[in-house]
Amino acid sequence: MAKEKTQIDWIEDAQDTLEGFEDLNSQTMAIPFLKLAQDLTPETKKAKPVFIQGLEPGMFFNSVTKKIYGNELKVIIIKFECIYIEWKPDRGGFVGYHSPENARKLAVDQTFGAWKTKEGNDLQEYYTYYCLIVGEEHFGPIVYSMTSSAIKVAKQLNRALTTQMMDNGKRALPYYLIFDLESVHVEKDANDWFLPKFTFDSYINKEQYEIIGSERKMLPDKPVDYALIEDKRNNVEQDF
């Protein structure tokens, strides 16, 4: 007796193309951000229109789908960017992107963590990671951005990304690695907040390797949407 075809079987047999959808790419889609909720994050406030039911400080969540990942998840980092964003004084709005080299030229005051231009604008350093979430690799990249108090964590992560040695004696490429990402509660003076912690977990498998190769080819060339970073700057990261 012939096996009945399912919906998926029919799709696999079809000779369809993506004609008409050529402009659907990373530049024309909302890029999800992986965020770490803090006490001031609007998504944790019932009175806010962006409230997410069940989200609490210390939990990671997806800015687009609103999915809550809890306090721990596993990620594969497939691209890294270091950029400086110029803001008007007192969080007055976005001015522009700068490479680290250009930011150094523009900064007349290079006080640690508080670079300023001659116009008095802030130059804030961002370490941005394009990640695949283990178990959701086919959904594509999600962006995790660190600044301010999390820059130290980012630099430790970057060292881990470039120093992992495999059993064959060769240095692993950064996107061969799976990291356990968890939130850690920290306190300083009268303030407390959550920071990310990355710990090497294991190596990717063959299926993940193939997905990574495809996703890396589709990553955007320009920095991620500044509006999303601005939202993160004002509502998620606390500058202690």
Foldseek 3Di string as FASTA:
>chain_A
DDDDDDPVNVVVPDPDDCPPPVVPAPVPDAAKAWAQAKPQFLLCDPVHPNHDPPDDHQWIAIPVVRHTPGFKFKKFFLDKAKWKWKAAPPNNGTDDIGHPVVQVVQFPDPDPQFTAGPVGITIWIKIKTWIATVVRLVVATHIYIDTAPQVVQVVVVVVVLFADADPVRDTDHSRQWMWMKGWDWDDDDPDIHIYIHTDTDDTDDPVSVVSSVVRSVRDDPDDHDVVVVSSCVVGGDDHD
